[in-house]
Protein backbone atom coordinates (compact mmCIF):
# COMPACT_ATOMS: atom_id res chain seq x y z
CA UNK A 1 0.00 0.00 0.00
CA UNK A 2 1.59 3.32 -1.01
CA UNK A 3 1.90 6.07 1.57
CA UNK A 4 1.21 9.66 0.61
CA UNK A 5 2.86 12.76 2.07
CA UNK A 6 0.71 15.87 2.08
CA UNK A 7 2.13 19.37 2.37
CA UNK A 8 0.40 21.12 5.23
CA UNK A 9 1.40 24.66 4.21
CA UNK A 10 0.73 25.08 0.49
CA UNK A 11 1.34 28.85 0.53
CA UNK A 12 4.91 28.48 1.79
CA UNK A 13 7.31 28.98 -1.12
CA UNK A 14 10.30 27.51 0.70
CA UNK A 15 11.32 23.92 0.24
CA UNK A 16 9.29 21.60 2.44
CA UNK A 17 10.89 20.33 5.60
CA UNK A 18 9.80 17.29 7.57
CA UNK A 19 7.85 19.65 9.87
CA UNK A 20 5.69 20.93 6.97
CA UNK A 21 4.57 17.47 5.87
CA UNK A 22 2.15 15.02 7.36
CA UNK A 23 2.38 11.31 6.68
CA UNK A 24 -0.93 9.70 5.85
CA UNK A 25 -2.05 6.62 4.00
CA UNK A 26 -4.82 6.03 1.53
CA UNK A 27 -6.02 2.89 -0.17
CA UNK A 28 -6.05 3.39 -3.91
CA UNK A 29 -7.57 1.14 -6.52
CA UNK A 30 -4.86 -1.17 -7.83
CA UNK A 31 -5.94 -0.93 -11.47
CA UNK A 32 -6.00 2.88 -11.42
CA UNK A 33 -2.66 3.03 -9.59
CA UNK A 34 -1.01 0.64 -12.08
CA UNK A 35 -2.33 2.78 -14.95
CA UNK A 36 -0.93 5.90 -13.25
CA UNK A 37 2.48 4.22 -12.87
CA UNK A 38 2.45 3.20 -16.54
CA UNK A 39 1.48 6.73 -17.63
CA UNK A 40 4.26 8.31 -15.58
CA UNK A 41 7.01 5.75 -16.19
CA UNK A 42 10.26 7.44 -17.11
CA UNK A 43 9.10 10.81 -15.83
CA UNK A 44 9.79 12.62 -12.61
CA UNK A 45 6.08 12.95 -11.84
CA UNK A 46 5.04 10.99 -8.77
CA UNK A 47 1.85 10.24 -6.88
CA UNK A 48 2.88 12.82 -4.27
CA UNK A 49 3.11 15.47 -7.02
CA UNK A 50 -0.38 14.60 -8.25
CA UNK A 51 -1.82 14.58 -4.77
CA UNK A 52 -0.30 17.91 -3.72
CA UNK A 53 -1.42 19.62 -6.92
CA UNK A 54 -4.87 18.08 -6.71
CA UNK A 55 -5.30 19.15 -3.09
CA UNK A 56 -4.16 22.66 -3.94
CA UNK A 57 -6.61 22.95 -6.85
CA UNK A 58 -9.42 21.38 -4.85
CA UNK A 59 -8.91 23.97 -2.10
CA UNK A 60 -8.51 26.98 -4.40
CA UNK A 61 -10.50 26.34 -7.58
CA UNK A 62 -14.28 25.95 -7.34
CA UNK A 63 -14.54 24.55 -10.90
CA UNK A 64 -11.92 21.88 -10.17
CA UNK A 65 -13.69 21.01 -6.91
CA UNK A 66 -17.03 20.64 -8.73
CA UNK A 67 -15.42 18.50 -11.44
CA UNK A 68 -13.82 16.18 -8.89
CA UNK A 69 -17.04 15.85 -6.91
CA UNK A 70 -19.04 15.07 -10.07
CA UNK A 71 -16.56 12.54 -11.47
CA UNK A 72 -17.61 8.92 -11.26
CA UNK A 73 -14.73 6.48 -11.54
CA UNK A 74 -16.11 3.34 -13.26
CA UNK A 75 -13.82 0.98 -11.34
CA UNK A 76 -14.99 2.43 -8.02
CA UNK A 77 -18.66 2.99 -8.87
CA UNK A 78 -19.74 -0.21 -7.12
CA UNK A 79 -18.21 0.89 -3.81
CA UNK A 80 -20.34 2.36 -1.06
CA UNK A 81 -19.47 6.02 -0.63
PDB file of N, CA and C in Angstrom:
ATOM      1  N   UNK A   1       0.842  -1.173   0.000  1.00  0.00           N
ATOM      2  CA  UNK A   1       0.000   0.000   0.000  1.00  0.00           C
ATOM      3  C   UNK A   1       0.887   1.236   0.000  1.00  0.00           C
ATOM      4  N   UNK A   2       0.752   2.126  -0.981  1.00  0.00           N
ATOM      5  CA  UNK A   2       1.589   3.325  -1.009  1.00  0.00           C
ATOM      6  C   UNK A   2       1.179   4.317   0.066  1.00  0.00           C
ATOM      7  N   UNK A   3       2.163   5.002   0.611  1.00  0.00           N
ATOM      8  CA  UNK A   3       1.902   6.073   1.565  1.00  0.00           C
ATOM      9  C   UNK A   3       2.026   7.395   0.847  1.00  0.00           C
ATOM     10  N   UNK A   4       1.259   8.367   1.271  1.00  0.00           N
ATOM     11  CA  UNK A   4       1.213   9.657   0.611  1.00  0.00           C
ATOM     12  C   UNK A   4       1.590  10.731   1.618  1.00  0.00           C
ATOM     13  N   UNK A   5       2.530  11.605   1.239  1.00  0.00           N
ATOM     14  CA  UNK A   5       2.856  12.762   2.068  1.00  0.00           C
ATOM     15  C   UNK A   5       2.060  13.946   1.553  1.00  0.00           C
ATOM     16  N   UNK A   6       1.505  14.697   2.452  1.00  0.00           N
ATOM     17  CA  UNK A   6       0.712  15.866   2.084  1.00  0.00           C
ATOM     18  C   UNK A   6       1.365  17.095   2.687  1.00  0.00           C
ATOM     19  N   UNK A   7       1.612  18.116   1.857  1.00  0.00           N
ATOM     20  CA  UNK A   7       2.135  19.369   2.372  1.00  0.00           C
ATOM     21  C   UNK A   7       1.051  20.038   3.207  1.00  0.00           C
ATOM     22  N   UNK A   8       1.403  20.488   4.380  1.00  0.00           N
ATOM     23  CA  UNK A   8       0.404  21.119   5.233  1.00  0.00           C
ATOM     24  C   UNK A   8       0.365  22.631   5.040  1.00  0.00           C
ATOM     25  N   UNK A   9       1.370  23.220   4.410  1.00  0.00           N
ATOM     26  CA  UNK A   9       1.397  24.659   4.210  1.00  0.00           C
ATOM     27  C   UNK A   9       1.652  24.931   2.735  1.00  0.00           C
ATOM     28  N   UNK A  10       0.590  24.939   1.936  1.00  0.00           N
ATOM     29  CA  UNK A  10       0.730  25.083   0.489  1.00  0.00           C
ATOM     30  C   UNK A  10       1.156  26.486   0.077  1.00  0.00           C
ATOM     31  N   UNK A  11       0.975  27.494   0.915  1.00  0.00           N
ATOM     32  CA  UNK A  11       1.336  28.849   0.530  1.00  0.00           C
ATOM     33  C   UNK A  11       2.810  29.145   0.779  1.00  0.00           C
ATOM     34  N   UNK A  12       3.492  28.285   1.490  1.00  0.00           N
ATOM     35  CA  UNK A  12       4.908  28.482   1.789  1.00  0.00           C
ATOM     36  C   UNK A  12       5.722  28.198   0.536  1.00  0.00           C
ATOM     37  N   UNK A  13       6.538  29.155   0.100  1.00  0.00           N
ATOM     38  CA  UNK A  13       7.312  28.978  -1.117  1.00  0.00           C
ATOM     39  C   UNK A  13       8.681  28.368  -0.850  1.00  0.00           C
ATOM     40  N   UNK A  14       9.019  28.143   0.395  1.00  0.00           N
ATOM     41  CA  UNK A  14      10.300  27.511   0.695  1.00  0.00           C
ATOM     42  C   UNK A  14      10.192  26.014   0.481  1.00  0.00           C
ATOM     43  N   UNK A  15      11.331  25.366   0.390  1.00  0.00           N
ATOM     44  CA  UNK A  15      11.318  23.918   0.240  1.00  0.00           C
ATOM     45  C   UNK A  15      10.712  23.285   1.485  1.00  0.00           C
ATOM     46  N   UNK A  16       9.924  22.227   1.281  1.00  0.00           N
ATOM     47  CA  UNK A  16       9.289  21.605   2.441  1.00  0.00           C
ATOM     48  C   UNK A  16      10.303  20.925   3.345  1.00  0.00           C
ATOM     49  N   UNK A  17      10.072  21.021   4.615  1.00  0.00           N
ATOM     50  CA  UNK A  17      10.891  20.327   5.595  1.00  0.00           C
ATOM     51  C   UNK A  17      10.027  19.250   6.228  1.00  0.00           C
ATOM     52  N   UNK A  18      10.624  18.323   6.947  1.00  0.00           N
ATOM     53  CA  UNK A  18       9.797  17.289   7.572  1.00  0.00           C
ATOM     54  C   UNK A  18       8.685  17.860   8.456  1.00  0.00           C
ATOM     55  N   UNK A  19       8.869  19.054   9.017  1.00  0.00           N
ATOM     56  CA  UNK A  19       7.854  19.649   9.874  1.00  0.00           C
ATOM     57  C   UNK A  19       6.655  20.179   9.080  1.00  0.00           C
ATOM     58  N   UNK A  20       6.794  20.405   7.766  1.00  0.00           N
ATOM     59  CA  UNK A  20       5.685  20.930   6.967  1.00  0.00           C
ATOM     60  C   UNK A  20       4.934  19.822   6.238  1.00  0.00           C
ATOM     61  N   UNK A  21       5.252  18.589   6.509  1.00  0.00           N
ATOM     62  CA  UNK A  21       4.572  17.466   5.868  1.00  0.00           C
ATOM     63  C   UNK A  21       3.867  16.635   6.932  1.00  0.00           C
ATOM     64  N   UNK A  22       2.836  15.959   6.495  1.00  0.00           N
ATOM     65  CA  UNK A  22       2.151  15.018   7.364  1.00  0.00           C
ATOM     66  C   UNK A  22       2.099  13.689   6.609  1.00  0.00           C
ATOM     67  N   UNK A  23       2.412  12.627   7.298  1.00  0.00           N
ATOM     68  CA  UNK A  23       2.377  11.308   6.683  1.00  0.00           C
ATOM     69  C   UNK A  23       0.997  10.717   6.879  1.00  0.00           C
ATOM     70  N   UNK A  24       0.392  10.307   5.791  1.00  0.00           N
ATOM     71  CA  UNK A  24      -0.933   9.702   5.848  1.00  0.00           C
ATOM     72  C   UNK A  24      -0.943   8.529   4.885  1.00  0.00           C
ATOM     73  N   UNK A  25      -1.938   7.731   4.951  1.00  0.00           N
ATOM     74  CA  UNK A  25      -2.049   6.623   4.004  1.00  0.00           C
ATOM     75  C   UNK A  25      -3.444   6.633   3.400  1.00  0.00           C
ATOM     76  N   UNK A  26      -3.534   6.120   2.216  1.00  0.00           N
ATOM     77  CA  UNK A  26      -4.817   6.029   1.530  1.00  0.00           C
ATOM     78  C   UNK A  26      -4.798   4.763   0.690  1.00  0.00           C
ATOM     79  N   UNK A  27      -5.899   4.054   0.697  1.00  0.00           N
ATOM     80  CA  UNK A  27      -6.019   2.889  -0.172  1.00  0.00           C
ATOM     81  C   UNK A  27      -6.460   3.386  -1.537  1.00  0.00           C
ATOM     82  N   UNK A  28      -5.709   3.008  -2.547  1.00  0.00           N
ATOM     83  CA  UNK A  28      -6.051   3.394  -3.908  1.00  0.00           C
ATOM     84  C   UNK A  28      -6.353   2.131  -4.700  1.00  0.00           C
ATOM     85  N   UNK A  29      -7.218   2.263  -5.686  1.00  0.00           N
ATOM     86  CA  UNK A  29      -7.574   1.140  -6.521  1.00  0.00           C
ATOM     87  C   UNK A  29      -6.343   0.659  -7.282  1.00  0.00           C
ATOM     88  N   UNK A  30      -6.064  -0.617  -7.222  1.00  0.00           N
ATOM     89  CA  UNK A  30      -4.855  -1.174  -7.828  1.00  0.00           C
ATOM     90  C   UNK A  30      -4.802  -0.918  -9.330  1.00  0.00           C
ATOM     91  N   UNK A  31      -5.919  -1.113 -10.022  1.00  0.00           N
ATOM     92  CA  UNK A  31      -5.943  -0.928 -11.471  1.00  0.00           C
ATOM     93  C   UNK A  31      -5.644   0.532 -11.848  1.00  0.00           C
ATOM     94  N   UNK A  32      -6.237   1.460 -11.139  1.00  0.00           N
ATOM     95  CA  UNK A  32      -6.003   2.878 -11.421  1.00  0.00           C
ATOM     96  C   UNK A  32      -4.561   3.252 -11.090  1.00  0.00           C
ATOM     97  N   UNK A  33      -4.032   2.735  -9.979  1.00  0.00           N
ATOM     98  CA  UNK A  33      -2.656   3.029  -9.594  1.00  0.00           C
ATOM     99  C   UNK A  33      -1.670   2.455 -10.608  1.00  0.00           C
ATOM    100  N   UNK A  34      -1.900   1.245 -11.072  1.00  0.00           N
ATOM    101  CA  UNK A  34      -1.010   0.639 -12.077  1.00  0.00           C
ATOM    102  C   UNK A  34      -1.045   1.451 -13.371  1.00  0.00           C
ATOM    103  N   UNK A  35      -2.222   1.945 -13.745  1.00  0.00           N
ATOM    104  CA  UNK A  35      -2.332   2.783 -14.945  1.00  0.00           C
ATOM    105  C   UNK A  35      -1.568   4.094 -14.751  1.00  0.00           C
ATOM    106  N   UNK A  36      -1.678   4.684 -13.559  1.00  0.00           N
ATOM    107  CA  UNK A  36      -0.935   5.904 -13.252  1.00  0.00           C
ATOM    108  C   UNK A  36       0.569   5.646 -13.365  1.00  0.00           C
ATOM    109  N   UNK A  37       1.055   4.547 -12.797  1.00  0.00           N
ATOM    110  CA  UNK A  37       2.485   4.224 -12.865  1.00  0.00           C
ATOM    111  C   UNK A  37       2.931   4.045 -14.310  1.00  0.00           C
ATOM    112  N   UNK A  38       2.106   3.391 -15.131  1.00  0.00           N
ATOM    113  CA  UNK A  38       2.448   3.200 -16.543  1.00  0.00           C
ATOM    114  C   UNK A  38       2.483   4.544 -17.276  1.00  0.00           C
ATOM    115  N   UNK A  39       1.546   5.416 -16.962  1.00  0.00           N
ATOM    116  CA  UNK A  39       1.480   6.727 -17.628  1.00  0.00           C
ATOM    117  C   UNK A  39       2.622   7.650 -17.210  1.00  0.00           C
ATOM    118  N   UNK A  40       3.202   7.425 -16.054  1.00  0.00           N
ATOM    119  CA  UNK A  40       4.265   8.309 -15.576  1.00  0.00           C
ATOM    120  C   UNK A  40       5.635   7.645 -15.578  1.00  0.00           C
ATOM    121  N   UNK A  41       5.720   6.448 -16.129  1.00  0.00           N
ATOM    122  CA  UNK A  41       7.008   5.750 -16.187  1.00  0.00           C
ATOM    123  C   UNK A  41       8.015   6.586 -16.969  1.00  0.00           C
ATOM    124  N   UNK A  42       9.203   6.682 -16.433  1.00  0.00           N
ATOM    125  CA  UNK A  42      10.259   7.435 -17.105  1.00  0.00           C
ATOM    126  C   UNK A  42      10.166   8.936 -16.909  1.00  0.00           C
ATOM    127  N   UNK A  43       9.229   9.380 -16.108  1.00  0.00           N
ATOM    128  CA  UNK A  43       9.104  10.813 -15.827  1.00  0.00           C
ATOM    129  C   UNK A  43       9.480  11.046 -14.369  1.00  0.00           C
ATOM    130  N   UNK A  44       9.522  12.278 -14.004  1.00  0.00           N
ATOM    131  CA  UNK A  44       9.790  12.624 -12.612  1.00  0.00           C
ATOM    132  C   UNK A  44       8.511  13.083 -11.924  1.00  0.00           C
ATOM    133  N   UNK A  45       7.377  12.610 -12.415  1.00  0.00           N
ATOM    134  CA  UNK A  45       6.077  12.950 -11.836  1.00  0.00           C
ATOM    135  C   UNK A  45       5.617  11.773 -10.983  1.00  0.00           C
ATOM    136  N   UNK A  46       5.365  12.041  -9.716  1.00  0.00           N
ATOM    137  CA  UNK A  46       5.042  10.987  -8.770  1.00  0.00           C
ATOM    138  C   UNK A  46       3.653  11.193  -8.186  1.00  0.00           C
ATOM    139  N   UNK A  47       3.165  10.168  -7.513  1.00  0.00           N
ATOM    140  CA  UNK A  47       1.854  10.240  -6.881  1.00  0.00           C
ATOM    141  C   UNK A  47       1.770  11.411  -5.907  1.00  0.00           C
ATOM    142  N   UNK A  48       2.850  11.684  -5.199  1.00  0.00           N
ATOM    143  CA  UNK A  48       2.878  12.815  -4.272  1.00  0.00           C
ATOM    144  C   UNK A  48       2.680  14.128  -5.025  1.00  0.00           C
ATOM    145  N   UNK A  49       3.287  14.267  -6.198  1.00  0.00           N
ATOM    146  CA  UNK A  49       3.105  15.471  -7.017  1.00  0.00           C
ATOM    147  C   UNK A  49       1.631  15.637  -7.397  1.00  0.00           C
ATOM    148  N   UNK A  50       1.029  14.551  -7.863  1.00  0.00           N
ATOM    149  CA  UNK A  50      -0.377  14.596  -8.250  1.00  0.00           C
ATOM    150  C   UNK A  50      -1.263  14.952  -7.064  1.00  0.00           C
ATOM    151  N   UNK A  51      -1.003  14.331  -5.949  1.00  0.00           N
ATOM    152  CA  UNK A  51      -1.822  14.585  -4.770  1.00  0.00           C
ATOM    153  C   UNK A  51      -1.703  16.030  -4.297  1.00  0.00           C
ATOM    154  N   UNK A  52      -0.477  16.528  -4.184  1.00  0.00           N
ATOM    155  CA  UNK A  52      -0.301  17.907  -3.721  1.00  0.00           C
ATOM    156  C   UNK A  52      -0.961  18.905  -4.659  1.00  0.00           C
ATOM    157  N   UNK A  53      -0.808  18.708  -5.956  1.00  0.00           N
ATOM    158  CA  UNK A  53      -1.418  19.623  -6.917  1.00  0.00           C
ATOM    159  C   UNK A  53      -2.939  19.511  -6.896  1.00  0.00           C
ATOM    160  N   UNK A  54      -3.426  18.291  -6.769  1.00  0.00           N
ATOM    161  CA  UNK A  54      -4.873  18.083  -6.715  1.00  0.00           C
ATOM    162  C   UNK A  54      -5.475  18.711  -5.458  1.00  0.00           C
ATOM    163  N   UNK A  55      -4.809  18.538  -4.330  1.00  0.00           N
ATOM    164  CA  UNK A  55      -5.298  19.154  -3.089  1.00  0.00           C
ATOM    165  C   UNK A  55      -5.294  20.674  -3.195  1.00  0.00           C
ATOM    166  N   UNK A  56      -4.238  21.211  -3.773  1.00  0.00           N
ATOM    167  CA  UNK A  56      -4.158  22.662  -3.939  1.00  0.00           C
ATOM    168  C   UNK A  56      -5.322  23.167  -4.803  1.00  0.00           C
ATOM    169  N   UNK A  57      -5.529  22.520  -5.957  1.00  0.00           N
ATOM    170  CA  UNK A  57      -6.609  22.949  -6.845  1.00  0.00           C
ATOM    171  C   UNK A  57      -7.980  22.736  -6.211  1.00  0.00           C
ATOM    172  N   UNK A  58      -8.148  21.637  -5.510  1.00  0.00           N
ATOM    173  CA  UNK A  58      -9.424  21.376  -4.845  1.00  0.00           C
ATOM    174  C   UNK A  58      -9.738  22.466  -3.829  1.00  0.00           C
ATOM    175  N   UNK A  59      -8.720  22.940  -3.135  1.00  0.00           N
ATOM    176  CA  UNK A  59      -8.913  23.966  -2.105  1.00  0.00           C
ATOM    177  C   UNK A  59      -9.026  25.379  -2.664  1.00  0.00           C
ATOM    178  N   UNK A  60      -8.553  25.613  -3.880  1.00  0.00           N
ATOM    179  CA  UNK A  60      -8.506  26.977  -4.399  1.00  0.00           C
ATOM    180  C   UNK A  60      -9.352  27.226  -5.650  1.00  0.00           C
ATOM    181  N   UNK A  61      -9.802  26.182  -6.302  1.00  0.00           N
ATOM    182  CA  UNK A  61     -10.502  26.338  -7.581  1.00  0.00           C
ATOM    183  C   UNK A  61     -11.875  25.667  -7.502  1.00  0.00           C
ATOM    184  N   UNK A  62     -12.925  26.485  -7.484  1.00  0.00           N
ATOM    185  CA  UNK A  62     -14.279  25.948  -7.344  1.00  0.00           C
ATOM    186  C   UNK A  62     -14.662  25.045  -8.514  1.00  0.00           C
ATOM    187  N   UNK A  63     -14.223  25.381  -9.734  1.00  0.00           N
ATOM    188  CA  UNK A  63     -14.539  24.548 -10.898  1.00  0.00           C
ATOM    189  C   UNK A  63     -13.877  23.175 -10.794  1.00  0.00           C
ATOM    190  N   UNK A  64     -12.626  23.153 -10.358  1.00  0.00           N
ATOM    191  CA  UNK A  64     -11.923  21.883 -10.167  1.00  0.00           C
ATOM    192  C   UNK A  64     -12.637  21.050  -9.102  1.00  0.00           C
ATOM    193  N   UNK A  65     -13.004  21.695  -8.001  1.00  0.00           N
ATOM    194  CA  UNK A  65     -13.693  21.008  -6.913  1.00  0.00           C
ATOM    195  C   UNK A  65     -15.000  20.388  -7.410  1.00  0.00           C
ATOM    196  N   UNK A  66     -15.757  21.144  -8.191  1.00  0.00           N
ATOM    197  CA  UNK A  66     -17.026  20.637  -8.729  1.00  0.00           C
ATOM    198  C   UNK A  66     -16.783  19.469  -9.686  1.00  0.00           C
ATOM    199  N   UNK A  67     -15.753  19.581 -10.511  1.00  0.00           N
ATOM    200  CA  UNK A  67     -15.421  18.498 -11.438  1.00  0.00           C
ATOM    201  C   UNK A  67     -15.061  17.227 -10.693  1.00  0.00           C
ATOM    202  N   UNK A  68     -14.230  17.346  -9.669  1.00  0.00           N
ATOM    203  CA  UNK A  68     -13.820  16.183  -8.889  1.00  0.00           C
ATOM    204  C   UNK A  68     -15.034  15.557  -8.204  1.00  0.00           C
ATOM    205  N   UNK A  69     -15.876  16.375  -7.614  1.00  0.00           N
ATOM    206  CA  UNK A  69     -17.045  15.846  -6.912  1.00  0.00           C
ATOM    207  C   UNK A  69     -18.022  15.163  -7.859  1.00  0.00           C
ATOM    208  N   UNK A  70     -18.093  15.630  -9.100  1.00  0.00           N
ATOM    209  CA  UNK A  70     -19.037  15.074 -10.069  1.00  0.00           C
ATOM    210  C   UNK A  70     -18.476  13.873 -10.829  1.00  0.00           C
ATOM    211  N   UNK A  71     -17.190  13.624 -10.725  1.00  0.00           N
ATOM    212  CA  UNK A  71     -16.556  12.545 -11.471  1.00  0.00           C
ATOM    213  C   UNK A  71     -16.881  11.190 -10.848  1.00  0.00           C
ATOM    214  N   UNK A  72     -17.346  10.287 -11.696  1.00  0.00           N
ATOM    215  CA  UNK A  72     -17.610   8.915 -11.265  1.00  0.00           C
ATOM    216  C   UNK A  72     -16.526   8.046 -11.891  1.00  0.00           C
ATOM    217  N   UNK A  73     -15.769   7.361 -11.062  1.00  0.00           N
ATOM    218  CA  UNK A  73     -14.727   6.475 -11.545  1.00  0.00           C
ATOM    219  C   UNK A  73     -15.362   5.104 -11.753  1.00  0.00           C
ATOM    220  N   UNK A  74     -15.419   4.609 -12.997  1.00  0.00           N
ATOM    221  CA  UNK A  74     -16.109   3.340 -13.263  1.00  0.00           C
ATOM    222  C   UNK A  74     -15.641   2.184 -12.389  1.00  0.00           C
ATOM    223  N   UNK A  75     -14.359   2.082 -12.138  1.00  0.00           N
ATOM    224  CA  UNK A  75     -13.822   0.983 -11.337  1.00  0.00           C
ATOM    225  C   UNK A  75     -14.355   1.038  -9.919  1.00  0.00           C
ATOM    226  N   UNK A  76     -14.575   2.253  -9.408  1.00  0.00           N
ATOM    227  CA  UNK A  76     -14.989   2.432  -8.017  1.00  0.00           C
ATOM    228  C   UNK A  76     -16.490   2.611  -7.850  1.00  0.00           C
ATOM    229  N   UNK A  77     -17.238   2.642  -8.954  1.00  0.00           N
ATOM    230  CA  UNK A  77     -18.659   2.993  -8.871  1.00  0.00           C
ATOM    231  C   UNK A  77     -19.477   1.993  -8.067  1.00  0.00           C
ATOM    232  N   UNK A  78     -18.988   0.774  -7.891  1.00  0.00           N
ATOM    233  CA  UNK A  78     -19.739  -0.213  -7.123  1.00  0.00           C
ATOM    234  C   UNK A  78     -19.488  -0.098  -5.620  1.00  0.00           C
ATOM    235  N   UNK A  79     -18.517   0.728  -5.220  1.00  0.00           N
ATOM    236  CA  UNK A  79     -18.207   0.891  -3.808  1.00  0.00           C
ATOM    237  C   UNK A  79     -19.241   1.779  -3.124  1.00  0.00           C
ATOM    238  N   UNK A  80     -19.458   1.506  -1.868  1.00  0.00           N
ATOM    239  CA  UNK A  80     -20.341   2.359  -1.062  1.00  0.00           C
ATOM    240  C   UNK A  80     -19.565   3.602  -0.693  1.00  0.00           C
ATOM    241  N   UNK A  81     -20.166   4.766  -0.911  1.00  0.00           N
ATOM    242  CA  UNK A  81     -19.466   6.017  -0.630  1.00  0.00           C
ATOM    243  C   UNK A  81     -20.086   6.698   0.539  1.00  0.00           C
TER     244      UNK A  81
END
